[in-house]
Structure formats: structure tokens, C-alpha cells
Amino acid sequence: MSVYDLKSGERAQITAVNVSGGALTRLNSLGICTGKQVTALCFSLFKSSILISCGGVRLGLRKAIAKNIEVALCA
């Protein structure tokens, strides 16, 4: 399951970040890494991007990047 598959308001734990290069560096600098919990806040019109919250950071992700961040739902 990826971040993009979450519904608005759902919380999950990141299990893998399958991106590389500058995108990986940027995500790591913002605290988006394995083991952290993320919450899906809302989707854009036509679901082309998603707004997530991780710790104290709110971040908008494009669909292509969000599909490469694997998560497991929190109980």
C-alpha cells in the first residue's frame, strides 16, 4: 500500500521510500523516512497530488512520488 492509497484522515507508518536522487534528499530533510507516521490530509482536484502531515511538517506530494512511498496502516 502506498501513501497515495490512503483515504483522507487515515494514519499509517512508512515502511519504505522507493525514490532516489534529489527527491529522496528532500524527503529525508523534511523528516519523511522509514518508521515515521504520516496522515493523509486531503487530495487535490482530480487526485493529481496529496497533502500529508508527518510530525510538524505538512507536505504536498505529486502522485508519482506518493505512489513510491510504501506504508502500513496504524491499528
PDB file of N, CA and C in Angstrom:
ATOM      1  N   MET A   1       0.858  -1.174   0.000  1.00  0.00           N
ATOM      2  CA  MET A   1       0.000   0.000   0.000  1.00  0.00           C
ATOM      3  C   MET A   1       0.900   1.232   0.000  1.00  0.00           C
ATOM      4  N   SER A   2       0.496   2.262  -0.714  1.00  0.00           N
ATOM      5  CA  SER A   2       1.290   3.493  -0.784  1.00  0.00           C
ATOM      6  C   SER A   2       0.553   4.649  -0.110  1.00  0.00           C
ATOM      7  N   VAL A   3       1.261   5.741   0.085  1.00  0.00           N
ATOM      8  CA  VAL A   3       0.654   6.947   0.661  1.00  0.00           C
ATOM      9  C   VAL A   3      -0.534   7.380  -0.189  1.00  0.00           C
ATOM     10  N   TYR A   4      -0.414   7.240  -1.490  1.00  0.00           N
ATOM     11  CA  TYR A   4      -1.475   7.653  -2.403  1.00  0.00           C
ATOM     12  C   TYR A   4      -2.756   6.843  -2.213  1.00  0.00           C
ATOM     13  N   ASP A   5      -2.645   5.616  -1.690  1.00  0.00           N
ATOM     14  CA  ASP A   5      -3.809   4.751  -1.491  1.00  0.00           C
ATOM     15  C   ASP A   5      -4.569   5.052  -0.201  1.00  0.00           C
ATOM     16  N   LEU A   6      -4.014   5.890   0.667  1.00  0.00           N
ATOM     17  CA  LEU A   6      -4.702   6.240   1.912  1.00  0.00           C
ATOM     18  C   LEU A   6      -5.920   7.100   1.621  1.00  0.00           C
ATOM     19  N   LYS A   7      -6.899   7.031   2.499  1.00  0.00           N
ATOM     20  CA  LYS A   7      -8.063   7.904   2.417  1.00  0.00           C
ATOM     21  C   LYS A   7      -7.798   9.122   3.292  1.00  0.00           C
ATOM     22  N   SER A   8      -8.468  10.208   3.032  1.00  0.00           N
ATOM     23  CA  SER A   8      -8.289  11.416   3.844  1.00  0.00           C
ATOM     24  C   SER A   8      -8.544  11.102   5.312  1.00  0.00           C
ATOM     25  N   GLY A   9      -7.608  11.499   6.166  1.00  0.00           N
ATOM     26  CA  GLY A   9      -7.735  11.283   7.593  1.00  0.00           C
ATOM     27  C   GLY A   9      -7.077  10.017   8.102  1.00  0.00           C
ATOM     28  N   GLU A  10      -6.689   9.098   7.217  1.00  0.00           N
ATOM     29  CA  GLU A  10      -6.057   7.851   7.652  1.00  0.00           C
ATOM     30  C   GLU A  10      -4.602   8.084   8.041  1.00  0.00           C
ATOM     31  N   ARG A  11      -4.168   7.336   9.047  1.00  0.00           N
ATOM     32  CA  ARG A  11      -2.790   7.414   9.537  1.00  0.00           C
ATOM     33  C   ARG A  11      -2.087   6.093   9.252  1.00  0.00           C
ATOM     34  N   ALA A  12      -0.821   6.183   8.843  1.00  0.00           N
ATOM     35  CA  ALA A  12      -0.040   4.987   8.528  1.00  0.00           C
ATOM     36  C   ALA A  12       1.424   5.224   8.866  1.00  0.00           C
ATOM     37  N   GLN A  13       2.170   4.127   8.938  1.00  0.00           N
ATOM     38  CA  GLN A  13       3.608   4.190   9.207  1.00  0.00           C
ATOM     39  C   GLN A  13       4.358   3.884   7.917  1.00  0.00           C
ATOM     40  N   ILE A  14       5.380   4.670   7.635  1.00  0.00           N
ATOM     41  CA  ILE A  14       6.167   4.481   6.419  1.00  0.00           C
ATOM     42  C   ILE A  14       7.032   3.235   6.568  1.00  0.00           C
ATOM     43  N   THR A  15       6.951   2.333   5.597  1.00  0.00           N
ATOM     44  CA  THR A  15       7.753   1.112   5.621  1.00  0.00           C
ATOM     45  C   THR A  15       8.906   1.170   4.622  1.00  0.00           C
ATOM     46  N   ALA A  16       8.778   1.950   3.553  1.00  0.00           N
ATOM     47  CA  ALA A  16       9.853   2.083   2.563  1.00  0.00           C
ATOM     48  C   ALA A  16       9.636   3.339   1.734  1.00  0.00           C
ATOM     49  N   VAL A  17      10.740   3.974   1.359  1.00  0.00           N
ATOM     50  CA  VAL A  17      10.697   5.137   0.470  1.00  0.00           C
ATOM     51  C   VAL A  17      11.479   4.754  -0.778  1.00  0.00           C
ATOM     52  N   ASN A  18      10.763   4.484  -1.872  1.00  0.00           N
ATOM     53  CA  ASN A  18      11.372   3.986  -3.109  1.00  0.00           C
ATOM     54  C   ASN A  18      11.576   5.092  -4.140  1.00  0.00           C
ATOM     55  N   VAL A  19      12.224   6.156  -3.738  1.00  0.00           N
ATOM     56  CA  VAL A  19      12.586   7.240  -4.655  1.00  0.00           C
ATOM     57  C   VAL A  19      14.092   7.432  -4.563  1.00  0.00           C
ATOM     58  N   SER A  20      14.657   8.174  -5.504  1.00  0.00           N
ATOM     59  CA  SER A  20      16.107   8.375  -5.490  1.00  0.00           C
ATOM     60  C   SER A  20      16.436   9.813  -5.873  1.00  0.00           C
ATOM     61  N   GLY A  21      17.701  10.137  -5.767  1.00  0.00           N
ATOM     62  CA  GLY A  21      18.184  11.447  -6.191  1.00  0.00           C
ATOM     63  C   GLY A  21      17.722  12.581  -5.297  1.00  0.00           C
ATOM     64  N   GLY A  22      17.416  13.696  -5.935  1.00  0.00           N
ATOM     65  CA  GLY A  22      17.021  14.904  -5.223  1.00  0.00           C
ATOM     66  C   GLY A  22      15.731  14.749  -4.439  1.00  0.00           C
ATOM     67  N   ALA A  23      14.820  13.955  -4.964  1.00  0.00           N
ATOM     68  CA  ALA A  23      13.544  13.749  -4.260  1.00  0.00           C
ATOM     69  C   ALA A  23      13.771  13.049  -2.927  1.00  0.00           C
ATOM     70  N   LEU A  24      14.648  12.061  -2.890  1.00  0.00           N
ATOM     71  CA  LEU A  24      14.946  11.351  -1.652  1.00  0.00           C
ATOM     72  C   LEU A  24      15.620  12.280  -0.641  1.00  0.00           C
ATOM     73  N   THR A  25      16.549  13.074  -1.104  1.00  0.00           N
ATOM     74  CA  THR A  25      17.230  14.023  -0.229  1.00  0.00           C
ATOM     75  C   THR A  25      16.238  15.012   0.379  1.00  0.00           C
ATOM     76  N   ARG A  26      15.350  15.513  -0.438  1.00  0.00           N
ATOM     77  CA  ARG A  26      14.348  16.480   0.028  1.00  0.00           C
ATOM     78  C   ARG A  26      13.401  15.845   1.049  1.00  0.00           C
ATOM     79  N   LEU A  27      12.917  14.642   0.771  1.00  0.00           N
ATOM     80  CA  LEU A  27      12.021  13.962   1.700  1.00  0.00           C
ATOM     81  C   LEU A  27      12.719  13.692   3.029  1.00  0.00           C
ATOM     82  N   ASN A  28      13.971  13.236   2.988  1.00  0.00           N
ATOM     83  CA  ASN A  28      14.716  12.976   4.219  1.00  0.00           C
ATOM     84  C   ASN A  28      14.930  14.250   5.025  1.00  0.00           C
ATOM     85  N   SER A  29      15.214  15.357   4.354  1.00  0.00           N
ATOM     86  CA  SER A  29      15.443  16.612   5.063  1.00  0.00           C
ATOM     87  C   SER A  29      14.163  17.127   5.729  1.00  0.00           C
ATOM     88  N   LEU A  30      13.011  16.717   5.211  1.00  0.00           N
ATOM     89  CA  LEU A  30      11.732  17.115   5.801  1.00  0.00           C
ATOM     90  C   LEU A  30      11.222  16.091   6.816  1.00  0.00           C
ATOM     91  N   GLY A  31      11.977  15.018   7.044  1.00  0.00           N
ATOM     92  CA  GLY A  31      11.598  14.022   8.042  1.00  0.00           C
ATOM     93  C   GLY A  31      10.693  12.928   7.524  1.00  0.00           C
ATOM     94  N   ILE A  32      10.550  12.818   6.206  1.00  0.00           N
ATOM     95  CA  ILE A  32       9.732  11.764   5.613  1.00  0.00           C
ATOM     96  C   ILE A  32      10.659  10.575   5.358  1.00  0.00           C
ATOM     97  N   CYS A  33      10.708   9.635   6.302  1.00  0.00           N
ATOM     98  CA  CYS A  33      11.611   8.489   6.180  1.00  0.00           C
ATOM     99  C   CYS A  33      10.982   7.268   6.845  1.00  0.00           C
ATOM    100  N   THR A  34      11.606   6.126   6.666  1.00  0.00           N
ATOM    101  CA  THR A  34      11.108   4.861   7.196  1.00  0.00           C
ATOM    102  C   THR A  34      10.916   4.943   8.705  1.00  0.00           C
ATOM    103  N   GLY A  35       9.771   4.430   9.168  1.00  0.00           N
ATOM    104  CA  GLY A  35       9.475   4.402  10.597  1.00  0.00           C
ATOM    105  C   GLY A  35       8.612   5.550  11.090  1.00  0.00           C
ATOM    106  N   LYS A  36       8.487   6.615  10.324  1.00  0.00           N
ATOM    107  CA  LYS A  36       7.673   7.765  10.725  1.00  0.00           C
ATOM    108  C   LYS A  36       6.201   7.530  10.407  1.00  0.00           C
ATOM    109  N   GLN A  37       5.326   8.202  11.144  1.00  0.00           N
ATOM    110  CA  GLN A  37       3.894   8.106  10.875  1.00  0.00           C
ATOM    111  C   GLN A  37       3.451   9.293  10.033  1.00  0.00           C
ATOM    112  N   VAL A  38       2.612   9.028   9.061  1.00  0.00           N
ATOM    113  CA  VAL A  38       2.064  10.072   8.198  1.00  0.00           C
ATOM    114  C   VAL A  38       0.545  10.017   8.244  1.00  0.00           C
ATOM    115  N   THR A  39      -0.068  11.164   8.021  1.00  0.00           N
ATOM    116  CA  THR A  39      -1.519  11.258   7.938  1.00  0.00           C
ATOM    117  C   THR A  39      -1.881  11.883   6.604  1.00  0.00           C
ATOM    118  N   ALA A  40      -2.792  11.269   5.876  1.00  0.00           N
ATOM    119  CA  ALA A  40      -3.286  11.830   4.619  1.00  0.00           C
ATOM    120  C   ALA A  40      -4.311  12.899   4.976  1.00  0.00           C
ATOM    121  N   LEU A  41      -4.058  14.136   4.582  1.00  0.00           N
ATOM    122  CA  LEU A  41      -4.972  15.225   4.928  1.00  0.00           C
ATOM    123  C   LEU A  41      -6.042  15.428   3.864  1.00  0.00           C
ATOM    124  N   CYS A  42      -5.631  15.575   2.600  1.00  0.00           N
ATOM    125  CA  CYS A  42      -6.615  15.755   1.525  1.00  0.00           C
ATOM    126  C   CYS A  42      -5.951  15.555   0.172  1.00  0.00           C
ATOM    127  N   PHE A  43      -6.768  15.402  -0.841  1.00  0.00           N
ATOM    128  CA  PHE A  43      -6.303  15.246  -2.213  1.00  0.00           C
ATOM    129  C   PHE A  43      -6.668  16.493  -3.006  1.00  0.00           C
ATOM    130  N   SER A  44      -5.904  16.746  -4.071  1.00  0.00           N
ATOM    131  CA  SER A  44      -6.227  17.857  -4.958  1.00  0.00           C
ATOM    132  C   SER A  44      -7.355  17.448  -5.903  1.00  0.00           C
ATOM    133  N   LEU A  45      -7.821  18.395  -6.657  1.00  0.00           N
ATOM    134  CA  LEU A  45      -8.841  18.128  -7.654  1.00  0.00           C
ATOM    135  C   LEU A  45      -8.286  17.107  -8.647  1.00  0.00           C
ATOM    136  N   PHE A  46      -9.055  16.121  -9.011  1.00  0.00           N
ATOM    137  CA  PHE A  46      -8.665  15.034  -9.921  1.00  0.00           C
ATOM    138  C   PHE A  46      -7.592  14.119  -9.335  1.00  0.00           C
ATOM    139  N   LYS A  47      -7.335  14.192  -8.031  1.00  0.00           N
ATOM    140  CA  LYS A  47      -6.361  13.353  -7.326  1.00  0.00           C
ATOM    141  C   LYS A  47      -4.983  13.344  -7.985  1.00  0.00           C
ATOM    142  N   SER A  48      -4.496  14.507  -8.413  1.00  0.00           N
ATOM    143  CA  SER A  48      -3.168  14.573  -9.015  1.00  0.00           C
ATOM    144  C   SER A  48      -2.073  14.759  -7.966  1.00  0.00           C
ATOM    145  N   SER A  49      -2.444  15.135  -6.734  1.00  0.00           N
ATOM    146  CA  SER A  49      -1.482  15.271  -5.647  1.00  0.00           C
ATOM    147  C   SER A  49      -2.193  15.058  -4.313  1.00  0.00           C
ATOM    148  N   ILE A  50      -1.383  14.875  -3.260  1.00  0.00           N
ATOM    149  CA  ILE A  50      -1.922  14.607  -1.928  1.00  0.00           C
ATOM    150  C   ILE A  50      -1.179  15.473  -0.917  1.00  0.00           C
ATOM    151  N   LEU A  51      -1.906  15.965   0.065  1.00  0.00           N
ATOM    152  CA  LEU A  51      -1.321  16.725   1.166  1.00  0.00           C
ATOM    153  C   LEU A  51      -1.206  15.787   2.354  1.00  0.00           C
ATOM    154  N   ILE A  52       0.022  15.638   2.879  1.00  0.00           N
ATOM    155  CA  ILE A  52       0.248  14.758   4.019  1.00  0.00           C
ATOM    156  C   ILE A  52       0.821  15.550   5.181  1.00  0.00           C
ATOM    157  N   SER A  53       0.726  14.959   6.355  1.00  0.00           N
ATOM    158  CA  SER A  53       1.317  15.528   7.555  1.00  0.00           C
ATOM    159  C   SER A  53       2.227  14.471   8.163  1.00  0.00           C
ATOM    160  N   CYS A  54       3.443  14.873   8.526  1.00  0.00           N
ATOM    161  CA  CYS A  54       4.403  13.963   9.149  1.00  0.00           C
ATOM    162  C   CYS A  54       5.141  14.756  10.219  1.00  0.00           C
ATOM    163  N   GLY A  55       4.880  14.437  11.465  1.00  0.00           N
ATOM    164  CA  GLY A  55       5.455  15.230  12.544  1.00  0.00           C
ATOM    165  C   GLY A  55       4.867  16.631  12.504  1.00  0.00           C
ATOM    166  N   GLY A  56       5.698  17.638  12.438  1.00  0.00           N
ATOM    167  CA  GLY A  56       5.220  19.015  12.356  1.00  0.00           C
ATOM    168  C   GLY A  56       5.222  19.566  10.956  1.00  0.00           C
ATOM    169  N   VAL A  57       5.409  18.705   9.959  1.00  0.00           N
ATOM    170  CA  VAL A  57       5.537  19.141   8.570  1.00  0.00           C
ATOM    171  C   VAL A  57       4.300  18.752   7.775  1.00  0.00           C
ATOM    172  N   ARG A  58       3.799  19.697   6.997  1.00  0.00           N
ATOM    173  CA  ARG A  58       2.749  19.409   6.014  1.00  0.00           C
ATOM    174  C   ARG A  58       3.390  19.524   4.653  1.00  0.00           C
ATOM    175  N   LEU A  59       3.130  18.534   3.805  1.00  0.00           N
ATOM    176  CA  LEU A  59       3.826  18.468   2.533  1.00  0.00           C
ATOM    177  C   LEU A  59       2.890  17.999   1.431  1.00  0.00           C
ATOM    178  N   GLY A  60       2.924  18.670   0.309  1.00  0.00           N
ATOM    179  CA  GLY A  60       2.172  18.250  -0.869  1.00  0.00           C
ATOM    180  C   GLY A  60       3.056  17.387  -1.742  1.00  0.00           C
ATOM    181  N   LEU A  61       2.561  16.215  -2.120  1.00  0.00           N
ATOM    182  CA  LEU A  61       3.317  15.287  -2.962  1.00  0.00           C
ATOM    183  C   LEU A  61       2.590  15.026  -4.264  1.00  0.00           C
ATOM    184  N   ARG A  62       3.345  14.966  -5.351  1.00  0.00           N
ATOM    185  CA  ARG A  62       2.766  14.566  -6.626  1.00  0.00           C
ATOM    186  C   ARG A  62       2.422  13.090  -6.578  1.00  0.00           C
ATOM    187  N   LYS A  63       1.480  12.691  -7.409  1.00  0.00           N
ATOM    188  CA  LYS A  63       1.021  11.305  -7.459  1.00  0.00           C
ATOM    189  C   LYS A  63       2.182  10.336  -7.680  1.00  0.00           C
ATOM    190  N   ALA A  64       3.107  10.669  -8.577  1.00  0.00           N
ATOM    191  CA  ALA A  64       4.227   9.773  -8.910  1.00  0.00           C
ATOM    192  C   ALA A  64       5.107   9.496  -7.689  1.00  0.00           C
ATOM    193  N   ILE A  65       5.359  10.500  -6.875  1.00  0.00           N
ATOM    194  CA  ILE A  65       6.197  10.307  -5.688  1.00  0.00           C
ATOM    195  C   ILE A  65       5.393   9.613  -4.595  1.00  0.00           C
ATOM    196  N   ALA A  66       4.143  10.001  -4.401  1.00  0.00           N
ATOM    197  CA  ALA A  66       3.313   9.408  -3.354  1.00  0.00           C
ATOM    198  C   ALA A  66       3.124   7.906  -3.573  1.00  0.00           C
ATOM    199  N   LYS A  67       3.073   7.466  -4.810  1.00  0.00           N
ATOM    200  CA  LYS A  67       2.907   6.036  -5.092  1.00  0.00           C
ATOM    201  C   LYS A  67       4.166   5.241  -4.764  1.00  0.00           C
ATOM    202  N   ASN A  68       5.308   5.910  -4.595  1.00  0.00           N
ATOM    203  CA  ASN A  68       6.571   5.230  -4.294  1.00  0.00           C
ATOM    204  C   ASN A  68       6.921   5.266  -2.810  1.00  0.00           C
ATOM    205  N   ILE A  69       6.028   5.737  -1.969  1.00  0.00           N
ATOM    206  CA  ILE A  69       6.232   5.714  -0.526  1.00  0.00           C
ATOM    207  C   ILE A  69       5.288   4.668   0.043  1.00  0.00           C
ATOM    208  N   GLU A  70       5.863   3.540   0.464  1.00  0.00           N
ATOM    209  CA  GLU A  70       5.062   2.419   0.974  1.00  0.00           C
ATOM    210  C   GLU A  70       4.747   2.624   2.444  1.00  0.00           C
ATOM    211  N   VAL A  71       3.507   2.280   2.826  1.00  0.00           N
ATOM    212  CA  VAL A  71       3.055   2.448   4.206  1.00  0.00           C
ATOM    213  C   VAL A  71       2.260   1.241   4.669  1.00  0.00           C
ATOM    214  N   ALA A  72       2.132   1.141   5.992  1.00  0.00           N
ATOM    215  CA  ALA A  72       1.264   0.131   6.624  1.00  0.00           C
ATOM    216  C   ALA A  72       0.330   0.876   7.558  1.00  0.00           C
ATOM    217  N   LEU A  73      -0.960   0.578   7.478  1.00  0.00           N
ATOM    218  CA  LEU A  73      -1.945   1.265   8.316  1.00  0.00           C
ATOM    219  C   LEU A  73      -1.661   1.052   9.797  1.00  0.00           C
ATOM    220  N   CYS A  74      -1.883   2.099  10.590  1.00  0.00           N
ATOM    221  CA  CYS A  74      -1.729   2.006  12.034  1.00  0.00           C
ATOM    222  C   CYS A  74      -3.009   1.421  12.630  1.00  0.00           C
ATOM    223  N   ALA A  75      -2.853   0.618  13.657  1.00  0.00           N
ATOM    224  CA  ALA A  75      -4.020  -0.012  14.281  1.00  0.00           C
ATOM    225  C   ALA A  75      -4.752   0.933  15.190  1.00  0.00           C
TER     226      ALA A  75
END
